[in-house]
PDB file of all heavy atoms in Angstrom:
ATOM      1  N   ILE A   1      75.757  96.127  51.580  1.00  0.00           N
ATOM      2  CA  ILE A   1      75.042  96.762  52.691  1.00  0.00           C
ATOM      3  C   ILE A   1      76.009  97.717  53.381  1.00  0.00           C
ATOM      4  O   ILE A   1      77.153  97.343  53.675  1.00  0.00           O
ATOM      5  CB  ILE A   1      74.536  95.734  53.713  1.00  0.00           C
ATOM      6  CG1 ILE A   1      73.613  94.719  53.058  1.00  0.00           C
ATOM      7  CG2 ILE A   1      73.820  96.430  54.867  1.00  0.00           C
ATOM      8  CD1 ILE A   1      73.188  93.608  54.005  1.00  0.00           C
ATOM      9  N   CYS A   2      75.565  98.935  53.629  1.00  0.00           N
ATOM     10  CA  CYS A   2      76.395  99.911  54.341  1.00  0.00           C
ATOM     11  C   CYS A   2      75.603 100.480  55.506  1.00  0.00           C
ATOM     12  O   CYS A   2      74.465 100.923  55.324  1.00  0.00           O
ATOM     13  CB  CYS A   2      76.832 101.022  53.386  1.00  0.00           C
ATOM     14  SG  CYS A   2      77.983 102.211  54.127  1.00  0.00           S
ATOM     15  N   VAL A   3      76.188 100.449  56.701  1.00  0.00           N
ATOM     16  CA  VAL A   3      75.529 101.001  57.885  1.00  0.00           C
ATOM     17  C   VAL A   3      76.338 102.191  58.393  1.00  0.00           C
ATOM     18  O   VAL A   3      77.550 102.295  58.172  1.00  0.00           O
ATOM     19  CB  VAL A   3      75.363  99.938  58.986  1.00  0.00           C
ATOM     20  CG1 VAL A   3      74.366  98.882  58.560  1.00  0.00           C
ATOM     21  CG2 VAL A   3      76.692  99.289  59.343  1.00  0.00           C
ATOM     22  N   HIS A   4      75.656 103.106  59.088  1.00  0.00           N
ATOM     23  CA  HIS A   4      76.232 104.391  59.472  1.00  0.00           C
ATOM     24  C   HIS A   4      76.098 104.622  60.977  1.00  0.00           C
ATOM     25  O   HIS A   4      75.154 104.145  61.601  1.00  0.00           O
ATOM     26  CB  HIS A   4      75.512 105.536  58.756  1.00  0.00           C
ATOM     27  CG  HIS A   4      75.527 105.447  57.265  1.00  0.00           C
ATOM     28  ND1 HIS A   4      76.107 106.402  56.475  1.00  0.00           N
ATOM     29  CD2 HIS A   4      75.021 104.520  56.410  1.00  0.00           C
ATOM     30  CE1 HIS A   4      75.955 106.081  55.199  1.00  0.00           C
ATOM     31  NE2 HIS A   4      75.287 104.947  55.137  1.00  0.00           N
ATOM     32  N   ARG A   5      77.020 105.419  61.483  1.00  0.00           N
ATOM     33  CA  ARG A   5      76.940 105.864  62.875  1.00  0.00           C
ATOM     34  C   ARG A   5      77.466 107.291  62.959  1.00  0.00           C
ATOM     35  O   ARG A   5      78.378 107.667  62.215  1.00  0.00           O
ATOM     36  CB  ARG A   5      77.765 104.950  63.779  1.00  0.00           C
ATOM     37  CG  ARG A   5      77.568 105.226  65.262  1.00  0.00           C
ATOM     38  CD  ARG A   5      78.523 104.416  66.095  1.00  0.00           C
ATOM     39  NE  ARG A   5      78.293 104.573  67.515  1.00  0.00           N
ATOM     40  CZ  ARG A   5      79.169 104.258  68.451  1.00  0.00           C
ATOM     41  NH1 ARG A   5      80.347 103.763  68.111  1.00  0.00           N
ATOM     42  NH2 ARG A   5      78.884 104.416  69.723  1.00  0.00           N
ATOM     43  N   SER A   6      76.895 108.079  63.857  1.00  0.00           N
ATOM     44  CA  SER A   6      77.261 109.493  63.931  1.00  0.00           C
ATOM     45  C   SER A   6      78.515 109.749  64.765  1.00  0.00           C
ATOM     46  O   SER A   6      79.216 110.731  64.529  1.00  0.00           O
ATOM     47  CB  SER A   6      76.098 110.304  64.510  1.00  0.00           C
ATOM     48  OG  SER A   6      75.736 109.802  65.787  1.00  0.00           O
ATOM     49  N   GLU A   7      78.806 108.895  65.726  1.00  0.00           N
ATOM     50  CA  GLU A   7      79.955 109.109  66.606  1.00  0.00           C
ATOM     51  C   GLU A   7      81.160 108.340  66.081  1.00  0.00           C
ATOM     52  O   GLU A   7      81.102 107.127  65.907  1.00  0.00           O
ATOM     53  CB  GLU A   7      79.645 108.648  68.031  1.00  0.00           C
ATOM     54  CG  GLU A   7      78.588 109.473  68.737  1.00  0.00           C
ATOM     55  CD  GLU A   7      79.035 110.911  68.939  1.00  0.00           C
ATOM     56  OE1 GLU A   7      80.250 111.126  69.182  1.00  0.00           O
ATOM     57  OE2 GLU A   7      78.195 111.820  68.851  1.00  0.00           O
ATOM     58  N   PRO A   8      82.292 109.020  65.814  1.00  0.00           N
ATOM     59  CA  PRO A   8      83.466 108.321  65.292  1.00  0.00           C
ATOM     60  C   PRO A   8      84.102 107.414  66.344  1.00  0.00           C
ATOM     61  O   PRO A   8      83.912 107.601  67.540  1.00  0.00           O
ATOM     62  CB  PRO A   8      84.405 109.471  64.911  1.00  0.00           C
ATOM     63  CG  PRO A   8      84.001 110.588  65.819  1.00  0.00           C
ATOM     64  CD  PRO A   8      82.513 110.456  65.984  1.00  0.00           C
ATOM     65  N   GLY A   9      84.864 106.423  65.868  1.00  0.00           N
ATOM     66  CA  GLY A   9      85.551 105.521  66.772  1.00  0.00           C
ATOM     67  C   GLY A   9      85.116 104.086  66.593  1.00  0.00           C
ATOM     68  O   GLY A   9      84.391 103.736  65.658  1.00  0.00           O
ATOM     69  N   ALA A  10      85.580 103.239  67.521  1.00  0.00           N
ATOM     70  CA  ALA A  10      85.251 101.814  67.472  1.00  0.00           C
ATOM     71  C   ALA A  10      83.736 101.643  67.562  1.00  0.00           C
ATOM     72  O   ALA A  10      83.056 102.355  68.294  1.00  0.00           O
ATOM     73  CB  ALA A  10      85.945 101.083  68.609  1.00  0.00           C
ATOM     74  N   TRP A  11      83.227 100.646  66.833  1.00  0.00           N
ATOM     75  CA  TRP A  11      81.779 100.515  66.757  1.00  0.00           C
ATOM     76  C   TRP A  11      81.338  99.064  66.843  1.00  0.00           C
ATOM     77  O   TRP A  11      80.965  98.589  67.913  1.00  0.00           O
ATOM     78  CB  TRP A  11      81.277 101.160  65.477  1.00  0.00           C
ATOM     79  CG  TRP A  11      79.799 101.061  65.246  1.00  0.00           C
ATOM     80  CD1 TRP A  11      78.837 100.806  66.170  1.00  0.00           C
ATOM     81  CD2 TRP A  11      79.127 101.221  64.008  1.00  0.00           C
ATOM     82  NE1 TRP A  11      77.602 100.805  65.586  1.00  0.00           N
ATOM     83  CE2 TRP A  11      77.742 101.063  64.257  1.00  0.00           C
ATOM     84  CE3 TRP A  11      79.546 101.498  62.718  1.00  0.00           C
ATOM     85  CZ2 TRP A  11      76.790 101.153  63.251  1.00  0.00           C
ATOM     86  CZ3 TRP A  11      78.591 101.595  61.722  1.00  0.00           C
ATOM     87  CH2 TRP A  11      77.233 101.426  61.988  1.00  0.00           C
ATOM     88  N   LEU A  12      81.400  98.329  65.764  1.00  0.00           N
ATOM     89  CA  LEU A  12      80.830  96.990  65.722  1.00  0.00           C
ATOM     90  C   LEU A  12      81.671  95.995  66.515  1.00  0.00           C
ATOM     91  O   LEU A  12      82.887  95.896  66.326  1.00  0.00           O
ATOM     92  CB  LEU A  12      80.721  96.502  64.274  1.00  0.00           C
ATOM     93  CG  LEU A  12      79.753  97.256  63.361  1.00  0.00           C
ATOM     94  CD1 LEU A  12      79.838  96.700  61.953  1.00  0.00           C
ATOM     95  CD2 LEU A  12      78.338  97.160  63.878  1.00  0.00           C
ATOM     96  N   ALA A  13      80.998  95.292  67.409  1.00  0.00           N
ATOM     97  CA  ALA A  13      81.648  94.155  68.051  1.00  0.00           C
ATOM     98  C   ALA A  13      81.709  92.998  67.064  1.00  0.00           C
ATOM     99  O   ALA A  13      81.034  93.005  66.031  1.00  0.00           O
ATOM    100  CB  ALA A  13      80.856  93.748  69.299  1.00  0.00           C
ATOM    101  N   ALA A  14      82.521  91.985  67.396  1.00  0.00           N
ATOM    102  CA  ALA A  14      82.712  90.866  66.469  1.00  0.00           C
ATOM    103  C   ALA A  14      81.382  90.188  66.150  1.00  0.00           C
ATOM    104  O   ALA A  14      81.108  89.841  64.998  1.00  0.00           O
ATOM    105  CB  ALA A  14      83.703  89.865  67.055  1.00  0.00           C
ATOM    106  N   GLY A  15      80.536  89.995  67.159  1.00  0.00           N
ATOM    107  CA  GLY A  15      79.259  89.343  66.936  1.00  0.00           C
ATOM    108  C   GLY A  15      78.335  90.173  66.062  1.00  0.00           C
ATOM    109  O   GLY A  15      77.584  89.639  65.246  1.00  0.00           O
ATOM    110  N   GLU A  16      78.382  91.512  66.224  1.00  0.00           N
ATOM    111  CA  GLU A  16      77.540  92.391  65.410  1.00  0.00           C
ATOM    112  C   GLU A  16      77.989  92.382  63.955  1.00  0.00           C
ATOM    113  O   GLU A  16      77.164  92.344  63.030  1.00  0.00           O
ATOM    114  CB  GLU A  16      77.580  93.804  65.979  1.00  0.00           C
ATOM    115  CG  GLU A  16      76.943  93.931  67.356  1.00  0.00           C
ATOM    116  CD  GLU A  16      77.194  95.270  67.998  1.00  0.00           C
ATOM    117  OE1 GLU A  16      78.219  95.903  67.681  1.00  0.00           O
ATOM    118  OE2 GLU A  16      76.354  95.696  68.819  1.00  0.00           O
ATOM    119  N   ALA A  17      79.303  92.427  63.738  1.00  0.00           N
ATOM    120  CA  ALA A  17      79.815  92.370  62.369  1.00  0.00           C
ATOM    121  C   ALA A  17      79.452  91.045  61.716  1.00  0.00           C
ATOM    122  O   ALA A  17      79.074  90.994  60.538  1.00  0.00           O
ATOM    123  CB  ALA A  17      81.333  92.563  62.369  1.00  0.00           C
ATOM    124  N   ALA A  18      79.548  89.957  62.482  1.00  0.00           N
ATOM    125  CA  ALA A  18      79.206  88.642  61.935  1.00  0.00           C
ATOM    126  C   ALA A  18      77.721  88.579  61.571  1.00  0.00           C
ATOM    127  O   ALA A  18      77.348  88.002  60.545  1.00  0.00           O
ATOM    128  CB  ALA A  18      79.550  87.551  62.944  1.00  0.00           C
ATOM    129  N   ALA A  19      76.867  89.182  62.404  1.00  0.00           N
ATOM    130  CA  ALA A  19      75.436  89.183  62.118  1.00  0.00           C
ATOM    131  C   ALA A  19      75.138  89.982  60.851  1.00  0.00           C
ATOM    132  O   ALA A  19      74.302  89.585  60.023  1.00  0.00           O
ATOM    133  CB  ALA A  19      74.664  89.763  63.304  1.00  0.00           C
ATOM    134  N   LEU A  20      75.826  91.103  60.676  1.00  0.00           N
ATOM    135  CA  LEU A  20      75.610  91.919  59.487  1.00  0.00           C
ATOM    136  C   LEU A  20      76.111  91.196  58.230  1.00  0.00           C
ATOM    137  O   LEU A  20      75.462  91.221  57.179  1.00  0.00           O
ATOM    138  CB  LEU A  20      76.320  93.256  59.635  1.00  0.00           C
ATOM    139  CG  LEU A  20      75.980  94.330  58.598  1.00  0.00           C
ATOM    140  CD1 LEU A  20      74.482  94.646  58.621  1.00  0.00           C
ATOM    141  CD2 LEU A  20      76.781  95.598  58.864  1.00  0.00           C
ATOM    142  N   ASP A  21      77.245  90.539  58.342  1.00  0.00           N
ATOM    143  CA  ASP A  21      77.777  89.772  57.212  1.00  0.00           C
ATOM    144  C   ASP A  21      76.842  88.617  56.863  1.00  0.00           C
ATOM    145  O   ASP A  21      76.666  88.283  55.680  1.00  0.00           O
ATOM    146  CB  ASP A  21      79.175  89.247  57.537  1.00  0.00           C
ATOM    147  CG  ASP A  21      80.196  90.366  57.726  1.00  0.00           C
ATOM    148  OD1 ASP A  21      79.901  91.507  57.314  1.00  0.00           O
ATOM    149  OD2 ASP A  21      81.260  90.102  58.303  1.00  0.00           O
ATOM    150  N   SER A  22      76.237  88.007  57.864  1.00  0.00           N
ATOM    151  CA  SER A  22      75.280  86.928  57.620  1.00  0.00           C
ATOM    152  C   SER A  22      74.058  87.461  56.884  1.00  0.00           C
ATOM    153  O   SER A  22      73.529  86.813  55.971  1.00  0.00           O
ATOM    154  CB  SER A  22      74.864  86.288  58.947  1.00  0.00           C
ATOM    155  OG  SER A  22      73.888  85.289  58.739  1.00  0.00           O
ATOM    156  N   LEU A  23      73.605  88.657  57.282  1.00  0.00           N
ATOM    157  CA  LEU A  23      72.486  89.278  56.579  1.00  0.00           C
ATOM    158  C   LEU A  23      72.842  89.541  55.120  1.00  0.00           C
ATOM    159  O   LEU A  23      72.019  89.331  54.226  1.00  0.00           O
ATOM    160  CB  LEU A  23      72.098  90.587  57.267  1.00  0.00           C
ATOM    161  CG  LEU A  23      71.035  91.428  56.553  1.00  0.00           C
ATOM    162  CD1 LEU A  23      69.725  90.661  56.435  1.00  0.00           C
ATOM    163  CD2 LEU A  23      70.827  92.756  57.267  1.00  0.00           C
ATOM    164  N   ALA A  24      74.074  89.977  54.876  1.00  0.00           N
ATOM    165  CA  ALA A  24      74.504  90.237  53.502  1.00  0.00           C
ATOM    166  C   ALA A  24      74.439  88.959  52.672  1.00  0.00           C
ATOM    167  O   ALA A  24      74.006  88.980  51.512  1.00  0.00           O
ATOM    168  CB  ALA A  24      75.917  90.814  53.488  1.00  0.00           C
ATOM    169  N   ARG A  25      74.843  87.837  53.255  1.00  0.00           N
ATOM    170  CA  ARG A  25      74.761  86.566  52.519  1.00  0.00           C
ATOM    171  C   ARG A  25      73.307  86.169  52.273  1.00  0.00           C
ATOM    172  O   ARG A  25      72.962  85.659  51.200  1.00  0.00           O
ATOM    173  CB  ARG A  25      75.500  85.475  53.294  1.00  0.00           C
ATOM    174  CG  ARG A  25      77.017  85.630  53.297  1.00  0.00           C
ATOM    175  CD  ARG A  25      77.699  84.385  53.837  1.00  0.00           C
ATOM    176  NE  ARG A  25      77.371  84.144  55.236  1.00  0.00           N
ATOM    177  CZ  ARG A  25      78.035  84.655  56.256  1.00  0.00           C
ATOM    178  NH1 ARG A  25      79.074  85.460  56.046  1.00  0.00           N
ATOM    179  NH2 ARG A  25      77.688  84.378  57.502  1.00  0.00           N
ATOM    180  N   ASP A  26      72.452  86.404  53.264  1.00  0.00           N
ATOM    181  CA  ASP A  26      71.026  86.100  53.088  1.00  0.00           C
ATOM    182  C   ASP A  26      70.416  86.936  51.967  1.00  0.00           C
ATOM    183  O   ASP A  26      69.640  86.440  51.151  1.00  0.00           O
ATOM    184  CB  ASP A  26      70.260  86.355  54.393  1.00  0.00           C
ATOM    185  CG  ASP A  26      70.532  85.305  55.455  1.00  0.00           C
ATOM    186  OD1 ASP A  26      71.081  84.241  55.100  1.00  0.00           O
ATOM    187  OD2 ASP A  26      70.198  85.551  56.621  1.00  0.00           O
ATOM    188  N   LEU A  27      70.776  88.227  51.941  1.00  0.00           N
ATOM    189  CA  LEU A  27      70.241  89.097  50.910  1.00  0.00           C
ATOM    190  C   LEU A  27      70.767  88.710  49.533  1.00  0.00           C
ATOM    191  O   LEU A  27      70.041  88.800  48.538  1.00  0.00           O
ATOM    192  CB  LEU A  27      70.586  90.553  51.213  1.00  0.00           C
ATOM    193  CG  LEU A  27      69.826  91.199  52.368  1.00  0.00           C
ATOM    194  CD1 LEU A  27      70.327  92.611  52.626  1.00  0.00           C
ATOM    195  CD2 LEU A  27      68.329  91.228  52.083  1.00  0.00           C
ATOM    196  N   ALA A  28      72.023  88.278  49.475  1.00  0.00           N
ATOM    197  CA  ALA A  28      72.573  87.815  48.193  1.00  0.00           C
ATOM    198  C   ALA A  28      71.800  86.603  47.694  1.00  0.00           C
ATOM    199  O   ALA A  28      71.472  86.497  46.507  1.00  0.00           O
ATOM    200  CB  ALA A  28      74.053  87.486  48.344  1.00  0.00           C
ATOM    201  N   ALA A  29      71.497  85.682  48.613  1.00  0.00           N
ATOM    202  CA  ALA A  29      70.729  84.493  48.232  1.00  0.00           C
ATOM    203  C   ALA A  29      69.314  84.880  47.818  1.00  0.00           C
ATOM    204  O   ALA A  29      68.770  84.335  46.851  1.00  0.00           O
ATOM    205  CB  ALA A  29      70.692  83.502  49.395  1.00  0.00           C
ATOM    206  N   TRP A  30      68.727  85.825  48.555  1.00  0.00           N
ATOM    207  CA  TRP A  30      67.369  86.253  48.219  1.00  0.00           C
ATOM    208  C   TRP A  30      67.341  86.921  46.853  1.00  0.00           C
ATOM    209  O   TRP A  30      66.459  86.657  46.049  1.00  0.00           O
ATOM    210  CB  TRP A  30      66.840  87.228  49.272  1.00  0.00           C
ATOM    211  CG  TRP A  30      65.421  87.642  49.004  1.00  0.00           C
ATOM    212  CD1 TRP A  30      64.283  87.029  49.421  1.00  0.00           C
ATOM    213  CD2 TRP A  30      64.990  88.766  48.205  1.00  0.00           C
ATOM    214  NE1 TRP A  30      63.173  87.695  48.951  1.00  0.00           N
ATOM    215  CE2 TRP A  30      63.573  88.752  48.199  1.00  0.00           C
ATOM    216  CE3 TRP A  30      65.668  89.764  47.513  1.00  0.00           C
ATOM    217  CZ2 TRP A  30      62.829  89.718  47.518  1.00  0.00           C
ATOM    218  CZ3 TRP A  30      64.928  90.725  46.823  1.00  0.00           C
ATOM    219  CH2 TRP A  30      63.521  90.682  46.846  1.00  0.00           C
ATOM    220  N   ARG A  31      68.311  87.789  46.569  1.00  0.00           N
ATOM    221  CA  ARG A  31      68.302  88.480  45.285  1.00  0.00           C
ATOM    222  C   ARG A  31      68.520  87.494  44.133  1.00  0.00           C
ATOM    223  O   ARG A  31      67.930  87.632  43.064  1.00  0.00           O
ATOM    224  CB  ARG A  31      69.383  89.558  45.246  1.00  0.00           C
ATOM    225  CG  ARG A  31      69.177  90.464  44.036  1.00  0.00           C
ATOM    226  CD  ARG A  31      70.253  91.453  43.833  1.00  0.00           C
ATOM    227  NE  ARG A  31      69.880  92.341  42.718  1.00  0.00           N
ATOM    228  CZ  ARG A  31      70.766  92.908  41.911  1.00  0.00           C
ATOM    229  NH1 ARG A  31      72.049  92.689  42.068  1.00  0.00           N
ATOM    230  NH2 ARG A  31      70.363  93.699  40.932  1.00  0.00           N
ATOM    231  N   SER A  32      69.371  86.508  44.365  1.00  0.00           N
ATOM    232  CA  SER A  32      69.567  85.490  43.333  1.00  0.00           C
ATOM    233  C   SER A  32      68.251  84.767  43.052  1.00  0.00           C
ATOM    234  O   SER A  32      67.882  84.534  41.892  1.00  0.00           O
ATOM    235  CB  SER A  32      70.642  84.490  43.777  1.00  0.00           C
ATOM    236  OG  SER A  32      70.818  83.473  42.819  1.00  0.00           O
ATOM    237  N   TRP A  33      67.526  84.426  44.138  1.00  0.00           N
ATOM    238  CA  TRP A  33      66.218  83.781  43.965  1.00  0.00           C
ATOM    239  C   TRP A  33      65.246  84.716  43.249  1.00  0.00           C
ATOM    240  O   TRP A  33      64.537  84.304  42.334  1.00  0.00           O
ATOM    241  CB  TRP A  33      65.646  83.404  45.330  1.00  0.00           C
ATOM    242  CG  TRP A  33      64.192  83.024  45.267  1.00  0.00           C
ATOM    243  CD1 TRP A  33      63.670  81.808  44.964  1.00  0.00           C
ATOM    244  CD2 TRP A  33      63.069  83.905  45.482  1.00  0.00           C
ATOM    245  NE1 TRP A  33      62.296  81.861  44.981  1.00  0.00           N
ATOM    246  CE2 TRP A  33      61.895  83.128  45.291  1.00  0.00           C
ATOM    247  CE3 TRP A  33      62.948  85.239  45.825  1.00  0.00           C
ATOM    248  CZ2 TRP A  33      60.622  83.669  45.434  1.00  0.00           C
ATOM    249  CZ3 TRP A  33      61.682  85.785  45.960  1.00  0.00           C
ATOM    250  CH2 TRP A  33      60.533  85.001  45.765  1.00  0.00           C
ATOM    251  N   TYR A  34      65.224  85.997  43.636  1.00  0.00           N
ATOM    252  CA  TYR A  34      64.284  86.968  43.066  1.00  0.00           C
ATOM    253  C   TYR A  34      64.500  87.114  41.561  1.00  0.00           C
ATOM    254  O   TYR A  34      63.544  87.139  40.772  1.00  0.00           O
ATOM    255  CB  TYR A  34      64.482  88.311  43.766  1.00  0.00           C
ATOM    256  CG  TYR A  34      63.548  89.409  43.332  1.00  0.00           C
ATOM    257  CD1 TYR A  34      62.269  89.516  43.863  1.00  0.00           C
ATOM    258  CD2 TYR A  34      63.954  90.359  42.398  1.00  0.00           C
ATOM    259  CE1 TYR A  34      61.416  90.528  43.483  1.00  0.00           C
ATOM    260  CE2 TYR A  34      63.109  91.380  42.012  1.00  0.00           C
ATOM    261  CZ  TYR A  34      61.835  91.461  42.555  1.00  0.00           C
ATOM    262  OH  TYR A  34      60.996  92.469  42.163  1.00  0.00           O
TER     263      TYR A  34
END
């Protein structure tokens, strides 16, 4: 999963990065099931 932002600099807070990483694991599990 790759996400984008138009303004350079610091972006994802720790909680946001963790949520995105959790989504990546969910999608990996879903694709394995699919």
